[in-house]
Protein backbone atom coordinates (compact mmCIF):
# COMPACT_ATOMS: atom_id res chain seq x y z
CA UNK A 1 71.45 100.88 90.00
CA UNK A 2 73.71 97.94 90.62
CA UNK A 3 76.84 96.59 89.04
CA UNK A 4 76.82 93.15 87.41
CA UNK A 5 80.58 92.62 87.27
CA UNK A 6 80.27 89.52 89.46
CA UNK A 7 77.97 87.81 86.94
CA UNK A 8 80.05 88.87 83.92
CA UNK A 9 83.24 87.48 85.46
CA UNK A 10 81.50 84.27 86.55
CA UNK A 11 80.36 83.64 82.95
CA UNK A 12 83.97 83.89 81.80
CA UNK A 13 85.48 82.06 84.80
CA UNK A 14 87.75 85.06 85.42
CA UNK A 15 88.95 86.52 88.70
CA UNK A 16 89.27 90.07 89.92
CA UNK A 17 93.03 89.60 89.71
CA UNK A 18 92.84 88.76 86.02
CA UNK A 19 90.84 91.90 85.32
CA UNK A 20 93.10 94.09 87.47
CA UNK A 21 96.22 92.80 85.74
CA UNK A 22 94.82 93.39 82.25
CA UNK A 23 93.06 96.72 82.78
CA UNK A 24 95.23 98.58 85.27
CA UNK A 25 92.16 99.11 87.48
CA UNK A 26 93.08 98.51 91.11
CA UNK A 27 91.98 95.36 92.90
CA UNK A 28 90.38 97.52 95.60
CA UNK A 29 88.21 99.33 93.05
CA UNK A 30 87.24 96.10 91.32
CA UNK A 31 86.46 94.41 94.64
CA UNK A 32 84.14 97.26 95.63
CA UNK A 33 82.34 97.06 92.28
CA UNK A 34 82.24 93.24 92.38
CA UNK A 35 80.63 93.08 95.83
CA UNK A 36 78.30 96.03 95.29
CA UNK A 37 80.00 98.35 97.77
CA UNK A 38 80.76 101.02 95.19
CA UNK A 39 78.38 103.97 94.97
CA UNK A 40 79.72 105.08 91.61
CA UNK A 41 82.29 104.43 88.94
CA UNK A 42 84.69 106.66 87.06
CA UNK A 43 84.01 106.82 83.33
CA UNK A 44 87.63 105.89 82.66
CA UNK A 45 87.23 102.76 84.80
CA UNK A 46 83.96 101.84 83.10
CA UNK A 47 85.57 102.31 79.70
CA UNK A 48 88.55 100.10 80.57
CA UNK A 49 86.28 97.35 81.88
CA UNK A 50 84.00 97.47 78.85
CA UNK A 51 86.93 97.36 76.45
CA UNK A 52 88.64 94.45 78.20
CA UNK A 53 85.47 92.43 78.75
CA UNK A 54 84.04 93.19 75.31
CA UNK A 55 80.77 94.48 76.73
CA UNK A 56 78.79 97.72 76.85
CA UNK A 57 77.98 99.75 79.98
CA UNK A 58 74.49 98.21 79.86
CA UNK A 59 76.09 94.82 80.46
CA UNK A 60 77.84 96.05 83.62
CA UNK A 61 75.14 98.23 85.15
CA UNK A 62 71.50 97.33 85.73
CA UNK A 63 68.58 99.02 87.41
CA UNK A 64 67.58 97.68 90.82
CA UNK A 65 63.97 96.64 91.02
């Protein structure tokens, strides 16, 4: 699995800082997800991101091929 946060933010022309400020999720956590260094994600974090971005978990996580 891989996270697609980088693509979602690029579509909106938003930065990690914008998301951190509006969700309360730390910049460090978002940076790890953004660059694909995260091996997992807390459900609370996923929920906050989905709510703020107006997406579903399927929009933030994809299967690696």
